[in-house]
Amino acid sequence: MSDTTGEVLFVDYHNDGDALFATLEVSNIGQRESKIIAMSMQDQLGSVKPGHRFLVIDMGKVNFMNSMGIGMLIDARSRAAGLKLKTVLANVGDDMFKLLKMVRLDKVFSVCQNDKQLKKALKR
């Protein structure tokens, strides 16, 4: 059961069961992109439906992220936690995984590099 919630600059959103998926549609996340993504996530999380349990941020296209991008992820996680949503990072590439591990965000987020890990994180 999936319905489309729309696409904004740099992010495509859709609902799938008990999860809000935010697919990042940009390869490099810097200051400009971080602000735009953070504002759109704030808007989307403000209209999250009852019954949602997860915010899934699909990072499959992301190759680089500066400190502002990391801050944006932490902000999204905080906002989601306020709604009792668990934040899961999906399709994380090797370079991004190394970065997340280096800044110890692998301890804060469920980080999934493939579909099998994502299904396990979402208990599907």
PDB file of N, CA and C in Angstrom:
ATOM      1  N   MET A   1       0.845  -1.175   0.000  1.00  0.00           N
ATOM      2  CA  MET A   1       0.000   0.000   0.000  1.00  0.00           C
ATOM      3  C   MET A   1       0.889   1.237   0.000  1.00  0.00           C
ATOM      4  N   SER A   2       0.923   1.925  -1.076  1.00  0.00           N
ATOM      5  CA  SER A   2       1.809   3.063  -1.227  1.00  0.00           C
ATOM      6  C   SER A   2       1.058   4.217  -1.857  1.00  0.00           C
ATOM      7  N   ASP A   3       1.291   5.405  -1.316  1.00  0.00           N
ATOM      8  CA  ASP A   3       0.712   6.572  -1.958  1.00  0.00           C
ATOM      9  C   ASP A   3       1.761   7.663  -2.035  1.00  0.00           C
ATOM     10  N   THR A   4       1.677   8.452  -3.066  1.00  0.00           N
ATOM     11  CA  THR A   4       2.675   9.480  -3.303  1.00  0.00           C
ATOM     12  C   THR A   4       2.319  10.730  -2.531  1.00  0.00           C
ATOM     13  N   THR A   5       3.329  11.321  -1.876  1.00  0.00           N
ATOM     14  CA  THR A   5       3.087  12.569  -1.180  1.00  0.00           C
ATOM     15  C   THR A   5       3.758  13.732  -1.894  1.00  0.00           C
ATOM     16  N   GLY A   6       4.646  13.450  -2.838  1.00  0.00           N
ATOM     17  CA  GLY A   6       5.172  14.525  -3.663  1.00  0.00           C
ATOM     18  C   GLY A   6       6.676  14.693  -3.616  1.00  0.00           C
ATOM     19  N   GLU A   7       7.124  15.526  -4.525  1.00  0.00           N
ATOM     20  CA  GLU A   7       8.552  15.795  -4.646  1.00  0.00           C
ATOM     21  C   GLU A   7       8.788  17.284  -4.488  1.00  0.00           C
ATOM     22  N   VAL A   8       9.799  17.614  -3.713  1.00  0.00           N
ATOM     23  CA  VAL A   8      10.255  18.990  -3.596  1.00  0.00           C
ATOM     24  C   VAL A   8      11.710  18.999  -4.036  1.00  0.00           C
ATOM     25  N   LEU A   9      12.274  20.177  -4.136  1.00  0.00           N
ATOM     26  CA  LEU A   9      13.659  20.280  -4.560  1.00  0.00           C
ATOM     27  C   LEU A   9      14.556  19.411  -3.675  1.00  0.00           C
ATOM     28  N   PHE A  10      15.293  18.503  -4.269  1.00  0.00           N
ATOM     29  CA  PHE A  10      16.263  17.615  -3.623  1.00  0.00           C
ATOM     30  C   PHE A  10      15.682  16.410  -2.889  1.00  0.00           C
ATOM     31  N   VAL A  11      14.354  16.318  -2.713  1.00  0.00           N
ATOM     32  CA  VAL A  11      13.776  15.194  -1.967  1.00  0.00           C
ATOM     33  C   VAL A  11      12.476  14.742  -2.616  1.00  0.00           C
ATOM     34  N   ASP A  12      12.292  13.428  -2.698  1.00  0.00           N
ATOM     35  CA  ASP A  12      11.038  12.849  -3.170  1.00  0.00           C
ATOM     36  C   ASP A  12      10.456  12.064  -1.997  1.00  0.00           C
ATOM     37  N   TYR A  13       9.217  12.351  -1.648  1.00  0.00           N
ATOM     38  CA  TYR A  13       8.568  11.711  -0.501  1.00  0.00           C
ATOM     39  C   TYR A  13       7.478  10.754  -0.958  1.00  0.00           C
ATOM     40  N   HIS A  14       7.357   9.655  -0.236  1.00  0.00           N
ATOM     41  CA  HIS A  14       6.203   8.784  -0.407  1.00  0.00           C
ATOM     42  C   HIS A  14       5.972   7.977   0.868  1.00  0.00           C
ATOM     43  N   ASN A  15       4.726   7.602   1.070  1.00  0.00           N
ATOM     44  CA  ASN A  15       4.350   6.776   2.206  1.00  0.00           C
ATOM     45  C   ASN A  15       4.297   5.328   1.755  1.00  0.00           C
ATOM     46  N   ASP A  16       4.761   4.451   2.612  1.00  0.00           N
ATOM     47  CA  ASP A  16       4.691   3.024   2.333  1.00  0.00           C
ATOM     48  C   ASP A  16       4.387   2.316   3.651  1.00  0.00           C
ATOM     49  N   GLY A  17       3.148   1.958   3.834  1.00  0.00           N
ATOM     50  CA  GLY A  17       2.754   1.284   5.067  1.00  0.00           C
ATOM     51  C   GLY A  17       2.975   2.183   6.271  1.00  0.00           C
ATOM     52  N   ASP A  18       3.834   1.746   7.179  1.00  0.00           N
ATOM     53  CA  ASP A  18       4.076   2.496   8.412  1.00  0.00           C
ATOM     54  C   ASP A  18       5.324   3.379   8.335  1.00  0.00           C
ATOM     55  N   ALA A  19       5.756   3.689   7.103  1.00  0.00           N
ATOM     56  CA  ALA A  19       6.975   4.478   6.941  1.00  0.00           C
ATOM     57  C   ALA A  19       6.774   5.639   5.971  1.00  0.00           C
ATOM     58  N   LEU A  20       7.398   6.770   6.322  1.00  0.00           N
ATOM     59  CA  LEU A  20       7.519   7.895   5.404  1.00  0.00           C
ATOM     60  C   LEU A  20       8.915   7.795   4.806  1.00  0.00           C
ATOM     61  N   PHE A  21       8.971   7.645   3.479  1.00  0.00           N
ATOM     62  CA  PHE A  21      10.250   7.559   2.782  1.00  0.00           C
ATOM     63  C   PHE A  21      10.610   8.928   2.218  1.00  0.00           C
ATOM     64  N   ALA A  22      11.839   9.355   2.474  1.00  0.00           N
ATOM     65  CA  ALA A  22      12.377  10.595   1.916  1.00  0.00           C
ATOM     66  C   ALA A  22      13.604  10.216   1.101  1.00  0.00           C
ATOM     67  N   THR A  23      13.468  10.237  -0.221  1.00  0.00           N
ATOM     68  CA  THR A  23      14.573   9.875  -1.101  1.00  0.00           C
ATOM     69  C   THR A  23      15.326  11.141  -1.478  1.00  0.00           C
ATOM     70  N   LEU A  24      16.582  11.207  -1.061  1.00  0.00           N
ATOM     71  CA  LEU A  24      17.402  12.376  -1.367  1.00  0.00           C
ATOM     72  C   LEU A  24      17.828  12.294  -2.830  1.00  0.00           C
ATOM     73  N   GLU A  25      17.483  13.312  -3.602  1.00  0.00           N
ATOM     74  CA  GLU A  25      17.710  13.335  -5.049  1.00  0.00           C
ATOM     75  C   GLU A  25      18.872  14.247  -5.415  1.00  0.00           C
ATOM     76  N   VAL A  26      19.953  14.162  -4.661  1.00  0.00           N
ATOM     77  CA  VAL A  26      21.112  15.024  -4.879  1.00  0.00           C
ATOM     78  C   VAL A  26      22.368  14.246  -4.481  1.00  0.00           C
ATOM     79  N   SER A  27      23.459  14.453  -5.214  1.00  0.00           N
ATOM     80  CA  SER A  27      24.672  13.691  -4.916  1.00  0.00           C
ATOM     81  C   SER A  27      25.554  14.364  -3.872  1.00  0.00           C
ATOM     82  N   ASN A  28      25.547  15.688  -3.827  1.00  0.00           N
ATOM     83  CA  ASN A  28      26.359  16.433  -2.856  1.00  0.00           C
ATOM     84  C   ASN A  28      25.452  17.294  -1.988  1.00  0.00           C
ATOM     85  N   ILE A  29      25.573  17.121  -0.681  1.00  0.00           N
ATOM     86  CA  ILE A  29      24.748  17.899   0.239  1.00  0.00           C
ATOM     87  C   ILE A  29      25.645  18.868   0.992  1.00  0.00           C
ATOM     88  N   GLY A  30      25.480  20.140   0.662  1.00  0.00           N
ATOM     89  CA  GLY A  30      26.211  21.215   1.313  1.00  0.00           C
ATOM     90  C   GLY A  30      25.247  22.113   2.062  1.00  0.00           C
ATOM     91  N   GLN A  31      25.667  23.352   2.293  1.00  0.00           N
ATOM     92  CA  GLN A  31      24.872  24.292   3.076  1.00  0.00           C
ATOM     93  C   GLN A  31      23.508  24.571   2.429  1.00  0.00           C
ATOM     94  N   ARG A  32      23.509  24.897   1.156  1.00  0.00           N
ATOM     95  CA  ARG A  32      22.258  25.238   0.459  1.00  0.00           C
ATOM     96  C   ARG A  32      21.282  24.065   0.475  1.00  0.00           C
ATOM     97  N   GLU A  33      21.765  22.904   0.068  1.00  0.00           N
ATOM     98  CA  GLU A  33      20.909  21.715  -0.008  1.00  0.00           C
ATOM     99  C   GLU A  33      20.391  21.324   1.382  1.00  0.00           C
ATOM    100  N   SER A  34      21.263  21.416   2.385  1.00  0.00           N
ATOM    101  CA  SER A  34      20.874  21.040   3.752  1.00  0.00           C
ATOM    102  C   SER A  34      19.699  21.856   4.251  1.00  0.00           C
ATOM    103  N   LYS A  35      19.746  23.170   4.017  1.00  0.00           N
ATOM    104  CA  LYS A  35      18.666  24.039   4.479  1.00  0.00           C
ATOM    105  C   LYS A  35      17.352  23.707   3.786  1.00  0.00           C
ATOM    106  N   ILE A  36      17.414  23.500   2.477  1.00  0.00           N
ATOM    107  CA  ILE A  36      16.202  23.187   1.717  1.00  0.00           C
ATOM    108  C   ILE A  36      15.617  21.840   2.141  1.00  0.00           C
ATOM    109  N   ILE A  37      16.481  20.839   2.288  1.00  0.00           N
ATOM    110  CA  ILE A  37      16.024  19.511   2.701  1.00  0.00           C
ATOM    111  C   ILE A  37      15.437  19.569   4.114  1.00  0.00           C
ATOM    112  N   ALA A  38      16.114  20.270   5.025  1.00  0.00           N
ATOM    113  CA  ALA A  38      15.633  20.356   6.410  1.00  0.00           C
ATOM    114  C   ALA A  38      14.253  21.002   6.475  1.00  0.00           C
ATOM    115  N   MET A  39      14.048  22.078   5.706  1.00  0.00           N
ATOM    116  CA  MET A  39      12.747  22.744   5.711  1.00  0.00           C
ATOM    117  C   MET A  39      11.655  21.840   5.151  1.00  0.00           C
ATOM    118  N   SER A  40      11.974  21.106   4.073  1.00  0.00           N
ATOM    119  CA  SER A  40      10.947  20.236   3.489  1.00  0.00           C
ATOM    120  C   SER A  40      10.642  19.061   4.409  1.00  0.00           C
ATOM    121  N   MET A  41      11.656  18.536   5.100  1.00  0.00           N
ATOM    122  CA  MET A  41      11.409  17.436   6.044  1.00  0.00           C
ATOM    123  C   MET A  41      10.552  17.917   7.205  1.00  0.00           C
ATOM    124  N   GLN A  42      10.803  19.135   7.659  1.00  0.00           N
ATOM    125  CA  GLN A  42       9.981  19.695   8.729  1.00  0.00           C
ATOM    126  C   GLN A  42       8.523  19.749   8.288  1.00  0.00           C
ATOM    127  N   ASP A  43       8.283  20.207   7.065  1.00  0.00           N
ATOM    128  CA  ASP A  43       6.920  20.273   6.534  1.00  0.00           C
ATOM    129  C   ASP A  43       6.297  18.881   6.434  1.00  0.00           C
ATOM    130  N   GLN A  44       7.031  17.935   5.867  1.00  0.00           N
ATOM    131  CA  GLN A  44       6.497  16.578   5.689  1.00  0.00           C
ATOM    132  C   GLN A  44       6.222  15.904   7.030  1.00  0.00           C
ATOM    133  N   LEU A  45       7.128  16.071   7.986  1.00  0.00           N
ATOM    134  CA  LEU A  45       6.923  15.451   9.291  1.00  0.00           C
ATOM    135  C   LEU A  45       5.750  16.091  10.027  1.00  0.00           C
ATOM    136  N   GLY A  46       5.467  17.344   9.710  1.00  0.00           N
ATOM    137  CA  GLY A  46       4.322  18.013  10.322  1.00  0.00           C
ATOM    138  C   GLY A  46       2.994  17.430   9.877  1.00  0.00           C
ATOM    139  N   SER A  47       2.999  16.727   8.752  1.00  0.00           N
ATOM    140  CA  SER A  47       1.745  16.138   8.257  1.00  0.00           C
ATOM    141  C   SER A  47       1.818  14.606   8.212  1.00  0.00           C
ATOM    142  N   VAL A  48       2.678  14.025   9.045  1.00  0.00           N
ATOM    143  CA  VAL A  48       2.815  12.569   9.065  1.00  0.00           C
ATOM    144  C   VAL A  48       1.525  11.938   9.585  1.00  0.00           C
ATOM    145  N   LYS A  49       1.182  10.815   9.012  1.00  0.00           N
ATOM    146  CA  LYS A  49      -0.091  10.158   9.329  1.00  0.00           C
ATOM    147  C   LYS A  49       0.024   9.298  10.595  1.00  0.00           C
ATOM    148  N   PRO A  50      -1.076   9.179  11.336  1.00  0.00           N
ATOM    149  CA  PRO A  50      -1.075   8.276  12.487  1.00  0.00           C
ATOM    150  C   PRO A  50      -0.754   6.852  12.016  1.00  0.00           C
ATOM    151  N   GLY A  51      -0.030   6.139  12.814  1.00  0.00           N
ATOM    152  CA  GLY A  51       0.334   4.771  12.453  1.00  0.00           C
ATOM    153  C   GLY A  51       1.722   4.650  11.869  1.00  0.00           C
ATOM    154  N   HIS A  52       2.322   5.767  11.484  1.00  0.00           N
ATOM    155  CA  HIS A  52       3.693   5.710  10.999  1.00  0.00           C
ATOM    156  C   HIS A  52       4.637   5.409  12.159  1.00  0.00           C
ATOM    157  N   ARG A  53       5.626   4.577  11.873  1.00  0.00           N
ATOM    158  CA  ARG A  53       6.616   4.212  12.886  1.00  0.00           C
ATOM    159  C   ARG A  53       8.032   4.576  12.471  1.00  0.00           C
ATOM    160  N   PHE A  54       8.231   4.844  11.164  1.00  0.00           N
ATOM    161  CA  PHE A  54       9.582   5.074  10.661  1.00  0.00           C
ATOM    162  C   PHE A  54       9.660   6.276   9.732  1.00  0.00           C
ATOM    163  N   LEU A  55      10.801   6.954   9.790  1.00  0.00           N
ATOM    164  CA  LEU A  55      11.225   7.897   8.764  1.00  0.00           C
ATOM    165  C   LEU A  55      12.416   7.236   8.102  1.00  0.00           C
ATOM    166  N   VAL A  56      12.288   6.927   6.819  1.00  0.00           N
ATOM    167  CA  VAL A  56      13.373   6.285   6.079  1.00  0.00           C
ATOM    168  C   VAL A  56      13.962   7.322   5.131  1.00  0.00           C
ATOM    169  N   ILE A  57      15.245   7.631   5.332  1.00  0.00           N
ATOM    170  CA  ILE A  57      15.933   8.576   4.464  1.00  0.00           C
ATOM    171  C   ILE A  57      16.798   7.759   3.519  1.00  0.00           C
ATOM    172  N   ASP A  58      16.403   7.744   2.249  1.00  0.00           N
ATOM    173  CA  ASP A  58      17.116   6.978   1.224  1.00  0.00           C
ATOM    174  C   ASP A  58      18.272   7.821   0.701  1.00  0.00           C
ATOM    175  N   MET A  59      19.486   7.356   0.962  1.00  0.00           N
ATOM    176  CA  MET A  59      20.693   8.104   0.613  1.00  0.00           C
ATOM    177  C   MET A  59      21.440   7.478  -0.556  1.00  0.00           C
ATOM    178  N   GLY A  60      20.741   6.716  -1.372  1.00  0.00           N
ATOM    179  CA  GLY A  60      21.373   5.998  -2.467  1.00  0.00           C
ATOM    180  C   GLY A  60      22.104   6.867  -3.475  1.00  0.00           C
ATOM    181  N   LYS A  61      21.674   8.110  -3.647  1.00  0.00           N
ATOM    182  CA  LYS A  61      22.308   9.000  -4.625  1.00  0.00           C
ATOM    183  C   LYS A  61      23.331   9.938  -3.999  1.00  0.00           C
ATOM    184  N   VAL A  62      23.459   9.906  -2.678  1.00  0.00           N
ATOM    185  CA  VAL A  62      24.345  10.844  -1.979  1.00  0.00           C
ATOM    186  C   VAL A  62      25.780  10.311  -1.954  1.00  0.00           C
ATOM    187  N   ASN A  63      26.699  11.107  -2.487  1.00  0.00           N
ATOM    188  CA  ASN A  63      28.113  10.743  -2.499  1.00  0.00           C
ATOM    189  C   ASN A  63      28.940  11.560  -1.516  1.00  0.00           C
ATOM    190  N   PHE A  64      28.454  12.752  -1.188  1.00  0.00           N
ATOM    191  CA  PHE A  64      29.200  13.651  -0.307  1.00  0.00           C
ATOM    192  C   PHE A  64      28.229  14.440   0.549  1.00  0.00           C
ATOM    193  N   MET A  65      28.658  14.694   1.780  1.00  0.00           N
ATOM    194  CA  MET A  65      27.851  15.479   2.706  1.00  0.00           C
ATOM    195  C   MET A  65      28.808  16.215   3.632  1.00  0.00           C
ATOM    196  N   ASN A  66      28.635  17.535   3.753  1.00  0.00           N
ATOM    197  CA  ASN A  66      29.490  18.271   4.680  1.00  0.00           C
ATOM    198  C   ASN A  66      28.836  18.300   6.058  1.00  0.00           C
ATOM    199  N   SER A  67      29.389  19.093   6.965  1.00  0.00           N
ATOM    200  CA  SER A  67      28.876  19.134   8.333  1.00  0.00           C
ATOM    201  C   SER A  67      27.433  19.641   8.391  1.00  0.00           C
ATOM    202  N   MET A  68      27.058  20.507   7.454  1.00  0.00           N
ATOM    203  CA  MET A  68      25.669  20.982   7.414  1.00  0.00           C
ATOM    204  C   MET A  68      24.728  19.826   7.070  1.00  0.00           C
ATOM    205  N   GLY A  69      25.154  18.939   6.182  1.00  0.00           N
ATOM    206  CA  GLY A  69      24.359  17.768   5.836  1.00  0.00           C
ATOM    207  C   GLY A  69      24.198  16.836   7.021  1.00  0.00           C
ATOM    208  N   ILE A  70      25.278  16.661   7.767  1.00  0.00           N
ATOM    209  CA  ILE A  70      25.210  15.830   8.968  1.00  0.00           C
ATOM    210  C   ILE A  70      24.240  16.444   9.977  1.00  0.00           C
ATOM    211  N   GLY A  71      24.314  17.770  10.118  1.00  0.00           N
ATOM    212  CA  GLY A  71      23.388  18.466  11.010  1.00  0.00           C
ATOM    213  C   GLY A  71      21.944  18.294  10.573  1.00  0.00           C
ATOM    214  N   MET A  72      21.717  18.310   9.257  1.00  0.00           N
ATOM    215  CA  MET A  72      20.365  18.119   8.713  1.00  0.00           C
ATOM    216  C   MET A  72      19.835  16.733   9.078  1.00  0.00           C
ATOM    217  N   LEU A  73      20.689  15.710   8.989  1.00  0.00           N
ATOM    218  CA  LEU A  73      20.264  14.356   9.367  1.00  0.00           C
ATOM    219  C   LEU A  73      19.898  14.289  10.846  1.00  0.00           C
ATOM    220  N   ILE A  74      20.719  14.914  11.678  1.00  0.00           N
ATOM    221  CA  ILE A  74      20.460  14.904  13.119  1.00  0.00           C
ATOM    222  C   ILE A  74      19.171  15.657  13.433  1.00  0.00           C
ATOM    223  N   ASP A  75      18.948  16.780  12.747  1.00  0.00           N
ATOM    224  CA  ASP A  75      17.714  17.544  12.929  1.00  0.00           C
ATOM    225  C   ASP A  75      16.491  16.705  12.529  1.00  0.00           C
ATOM    226  N   ALA A  76      16.589  16.021  11.400  1.00  0.00           N
ATOM    227  CA  ALA A  76      15.476  15.176  10.943  1.00  0.00           C
ATOM    228  C   ALA A  76      15.198  14.077  11.964  1.00  0.00           C
ATOM    229  N   ARG A  77      16.251  13.485  12.502  1.00  0.00           N
ATOM    230  CA  ARG A  77      16.090  12.430  13.503  1.00  0.00           C
ATOM    231  C   ARG A  77      15.405  12.976  14.758  1.00  0.00           C
ATOM    232  N   SER A  78      15.807  14.155  15.196  1.00  0.00           N
ATOM    233  CA  SER A  78      15.209  14.762  16.389  1.00  0.00           C
ATOM    234  C   SER A  78      13.730  15.046  16.186  1.00  0.00           C
ATOM    235  N   ARG A  79      13.397  15.606  15.020  1.00  0.00           N
ATOM    236  CA  ARG A  79      11.991  15.906  14.721  1.00  0.00           C
ATOM    237  C   ARG A  79      11.175  14.617  14.637  1.00  0.00           C
ATOM    238  N   ALA A  80      11.737  13.596  14.006  1.00  0.00           N
ATOM    239  CA  ALA A  80      11.040  12.310  13.890  1.00  0.00           C
ATOM    240  C   ALA A  80      10.846  11.676  15.268  1.00  0.00           C
ATOM    241  N   ALA A  81      11.872  11.749  16.111  1.00  0.00           N
ATOM    242  CA  ALA A  81      11.774  11.172  17.453  1.00  0.00           C
ATOM    243  C   ALA A  81      10.667  11.851  18.248  1.00  0.00           C
ATOM    244  N   GLY A  82      10.471  13.154  18.037  1.00  0.00           N
ATOM    245  CA  GLY A  82       9.397  13.874  18.700  1.00  0.00           C
ATOM    246  C   GLY A  82       8.020  13.357  18.310  1.00  0.00           C
ATOM    247  N   LEU A  83       7.948  12.706  17.163  1.00  0.00           N
ATOM    248  CA  LEU A  83       6.702  12.098  16.688  1.00  0.00           C
ATOM    249  C   LEU A  83       6.679  10.595  16.928  1.00  0.00           C
ATOM    250  N   LYS A  84       7.644  10.121  17.696  1.00  0.00           N
ATOM    251  CA  LYS A  84       7.779   8.687  18.018  1.00  0.00           C
ATOM    252  C   LYS A  84       8.125   7.851  16.780  1.00  0.00           C
ATOM    253  N   LEU A  85       8.862   8.449  15.832  1.00  0.00           N
ATOM    254  CA  LEU A  85       9.310   7.729  14.643  1.00  0.00           C
ATOM    255  C   LEU A  85      10.781   7.379  14.789  1.00  0.00           C
ATOM    256  N   LYS A  86      11.127   6.186  14.369  1.00  0.00           N
ATOM    257  CA  LYS A  86      12.528   5.780  14.325  1.00  0.00           C
ATOM    258  C   LYS A  86      13.079   6.164  12.952  1.00  0.00           C
ATOM    259  N   THR A  87      14.271   6.761  12.931  1.00  0.00           N
ATOM    260  CA  THR A  87      14.876   7.172  11.662  1.00  0.00           C
ATOM    261  C   THR A  87      15.852   6.106  11.181  1.00  0.00           C
ATOM    262  N   VAL A  88      15.679   5.720   9.923  1.00  0.00           N
ATOM    263  CA  VAL A  88      16.515   4.704   9.294  1.00  0.00           C
ATOM    264  C   VAL A  88      17.145   5.328   8.048  1.00  0.00           C
ATOM    265  N   LEU A  89      18.453   5.155   7.892  1.00  0.00           N
ATOM    266  CA  LEU A  89      19.146   5.608   6.681  1.00  0.00           C
ATOM    267  C   LEU A  89      19.281   4.406   5.760  1.00  0.00           C
ATOM    268  N   ALA A  90      18.756   4.533   4.543  1.00  0.00           N
ATOM    269  CA  ALA A  90      18.715   3.408   3.609  1.00  0.00           C
ATOM    270  C   ALA A  90      19.652   3.636   2.429  1.00  0.00           C
ATOM    271  N   ASN A  91      20.088   2.551   1.811  1.00  0.00           N
ATOM    272  CA  ASN A  91      20.918   2.571   0.598  1.00  0.00           C
ATOM    273  C   ASN A  91      22.156   3.441   0.758  1.00  0.00           C
ATOM    274  N   VAL A  92      22.776   3.330   1.918  1.00  0.00           N
ATOM    275  CA  VAL A  92      23.972   4.122   2.211  1.00  0.00           C
ATOM    276  C   VAL A  92      25.162   3.483   1.495  1.00  0.00           C
ATOM    277  N   GLY A  93      25.817   4.259   0.639  1.00  0.00           N
ATOM    278  CA  GLY A  93      26.991   3.780  -0.086  1.00  0.00           C
ATOM    279  C   GLY A  93      28.197   3.641   0.824  1.00  0.00           C
ATOM    280  N   ASP A  94      29.233   2.988   0.321  1.00  0.00           N
ATOM    281  CA  ASP A  94      30.424   2.720   1.122  1.00  0.00           C
ATOM    282  C   ASP A  94      31.088   3.995   1.650  1.00  0.00           C
ATOM    283  N   ASP A  95      31.239   5.007   0.804  1.00  0.00           N
ATOM    284  CA  ASP A  95      31.889   6.248   1.244  1.00  0.00           C
ATOM    285  C   ASP A  95      31.057   6.953   2.318  1.00  0.00           C
ATOM    286  N   MET A  96      29.760   7.000   2.113  1.00  0.00           N
ATOM    287  CA  MET A  96      28.893   7.634   3.111  1.00  0.00           C
ATOM    288  C   MET A  96      28.876   6.821   4.403  1.00  0.00           C
ATOM    289  N   PHE A  97      28.923   5.499   4.290  1.00  0.00           N
ATOM    290  CA  PHE A  97      28.962   4.652   5.478  1.00  0.00           C
ATOM    291  C   PHE A  97      30.218   4.946   6.286  1.00  0.00           C
ATOM    292  N   LYS A  98      31.354   5.086   5.594  1.00  0.00           N
ATOM    293  CA  LYS A  98      32.615   5.411   6.289  1.00  0.00           C
ATOM    294  C   LYS A  98      32.515   6.750   7.003  1.00  0.00           C
ATOM    295  N   LEU A  99      31.918   7.739   6.335  1.00  0.00           N
ATOM    296  CA  LEU A  99      31.747   9.051   6.955  1.00  0.00           C
ATOM    297  C   LEU A  99      30.850   8.964   8.188  1.00  0.00           C
ATOM    298  N   LEU A 100      29.709   8.290   8.064  1.00  0.00           N
ATOM    299  CA  LEU A 100      28.785   8.159   9.192  1.00  0.00           C
ATOM    300  C   LEU A 100      29.441   7.428  10.358  1.00  0.00           C
ATOM    301  N   LYS A 101      30.238   6.427  10.043  1.00  0.00           N
ATOM    302  CA  LYS A 101      30.950   5.671  11.075  1.00  0.00           C
ATOM    303  C   LYS A 101      32.010   6.547  11.746  1.00  0.00           C
ATOM    304  N   MET A 102      32.716   7.350  10.937  1.00  0.00           N
ATOM    305  CA  MET A 102      33.773   8.214  11.455  1.00  0.00           C
ATOM    306  C   MET A 102      33.219   9.231  12.460  1.00  0.00           C
ATOM    307  N   VAL A 103      32.040   9.771  12.174  1.00  0.00           N
ATOM    308  CA  VAL A 103      31.435  10.745  13.089  1.00  0.00           C
ATOM    309  C   VAL A 103      30.473  10.073  14.072  1.00  0.00           C
ATOM    310  N   ARG A 104      30.522   8.757  14.107  1.00  0.00           N
ATOM    311  CA  ARG A 104      29.801   7.917  15.059  1.00  0.00           C
ATOM    312  C   ARG A 104      28.277   7.990  14.935  1.00  0.00           C
ATOM    313  N   LEU A 105      27.807   8.373  13.767  1.00  0.00           N
ATOM    314  CA  LEU A 105      26.358   8.400  13.565  1.00  0.00           C
ATOM    315  C   LEU A 105      25.790   7.009  13.329  1.00  0.00           C
ATOM    316  N   ASP A 106      26.660   6.032  13.098  1.00  0.00           N
ATOM    317  CA  ASP A 106      26.194   4.650  12.983  1.00  0.00           C
ATOM    318  C   ASP A 106      25.669   4.152  14.329  1.00  0.00           C
ATOM    319  N   LYS A 107      25.987   4.878  15.411  1.00  0.00           N
ATOM    320  CA  LYS A 107      25.483   4.540  16.744  1.00  0.00           C
ATOM    321  C   LYS A 107      24.131   5.209  17.010  1.00  0.00           C
ATOM    322  N   VAL A 108      23.807   6.234  16.213  1.00  0.00           N
ATOM    323  CA  VAL A 108      22.599   7.028  16.414  1.00  0.00           C
ATOM    324  C   VAL A 108      21.467   6.583  15.482  1.00  0.00           C
ATOM    325  N   PHE A 109      21.836   6.211  14.260  1.00  0.00           N
ATOM    326  CA  PHE A 109      20.871   5.821  13.236  1.00  0.00           C
ATOM    327  C   PHE A 109      20.971   4.328  12.960  1.00  0.00           C
ATOM    328  N   SER A 110      19.879   3.749  12.472  1.00  0.00           N
ATOM    329  CA  SER A 110      19.963   2.433  11.839  1.00  0.00           C
ATOM    330  C   SER A 110      20.461   2.718  10.426  1.00  0.00           C
ATOM    331  N   VAL A 111      21.644   2.223  10.094  1.00  0.00           N
ATOM    332  CA  VAL A 111      22.248   2.483   8.790  1.00  0.00           C
ATOM    333  C   VAL A 111      22.179   1.201   7.968  1.00  0.00           C
ATOM    334  N   CYS A 112      21.501   1.271   6.835  1.00  0.00           N
ATOM    335  CA  CYS A 112      21.300   0.107   5.975  1.00  0.00           C
ATOM    336  C   CYS A 112      21.971   0.343   4.632  1.00  0.00           C
ATOM    337  N   GLN A 113      22.765  -0.624   4.214  1.00  0.00           N
ATOM    338  CA  GLN A 113      23.458  -0.510   2.934  1.00  0.00           C
ATOM    339  C   GLN A 113      22.779  -1.300   1.826  1.00  0.00           C
ATOM    340  N   ASN A 114      21.802  -2.143   2.186  1.00  0.00           N
ATOM    341  CA  ASN A 114      21.101  -2.925   1.158  1.00  0.00           C
ATOM    342  C   ASN A 114      19.658  -3.198   1.601  1.00  0.00           C
ATOM    343  N   ASP A 115      18.884  -3.787   0.691  1.00  0.00           N
ATOM    344  CA  ASP A 115      17.464  -4.033   0.953  1.00  0.00           C
ATOM    345  C   ASP A 115      17.248  -5.021   2.092  1.00  0.00           C
ATOM    346  N   LYS A 116      18.123  -6.009   2.220  1.00  0.00           N
ATOM    347  CA  LYS A 116      17.982  -7.000   3.283  1.00  0.00           C
ATOM    348  C   LYS A 116      18.101  -6.325   4.657  1.00  0.00           C
ATOM    349  N   GLN A 117      19.084  -5.442   4.797  1.00  0.00           N
ATOM    350  CA  GLN A 117      19.254  -4.719   6.058  1.00  0.00           C
ATOM    351  C   GLN A 117      18.066  -3.799   6.323  1.00  0.00           C
ATOM    352  N   LEU A 118      17.544  -3.171   5.255  1.00  0.00           N
ATOM    353  CA  LEU A 118      16.394  -2.276   5.419  1.00  0.00           C
ATOM    354  C   LEU A 118      15.162  -3.047   5.867  1.00  0.00           C
ATOM    355  N   LYS A 119      14.910  -4.193   5.254  1.00  0.00           N
ATOM    356  CA  LYS A 119      13.755  -4.999   5.656  1.00  0.00           C
ATOM    357  C   LYS A 119      13.855  -5.409   7.107  1.00  0.00           C
ATOM    358  N   LYS A 120      15.064  -5.754   7.543  1.00  0.00           N
ATOM    359  CA  LYS A 120      15.274  -6.133   8.941  1.00  0.00           C
ATOM    360  C   LYS A 120      15.033  -4.941   9.864  1.00  0.00           C
ATOM    361  N   ALA A 121      15.532  -3.756   9.481  1.00  0.00           N
ATOM    362  CA  ALA A 121      15.344  -2.555  10.299  1.00  0.00           C
ATOM    363  C   ALA A 121      13.877  -2.178  10.402  1.00  0.00           C
ATOM    364  N   LEU A 122      13.118  -2.404   9.314  1.00  0.00           N
ATOM    365  CA  LEU A 122      11.699  -2.082   9.306  1.00  0.00           C
ATOM    366  C   LEU A 122      10.840  -3.266   9.754  1.00  0.00           C
ATOM    367  N   LYS A 123      11.499  -4.366  10.090  1.00  0.00           N
ATOM    368  CA  LYS A 123      10.821  -5.596  10.526  1.00  0.00           C
ATOM    369  C   LYS A 123       9.773  -6.049   9.534  1.00  0.00           C
ATOM    370  N   ARG A 124      10.170  -6.098   8.245  1.00  0.00           N
ATOM    371  CA  ARG A 124       9.236  -6.515   7.184  1.00  0.00           C
ATOM    372  C   ARG A 124       9.631  -7.844   6.619  1.00  0.00           C
TER     373      ARG A 124
END
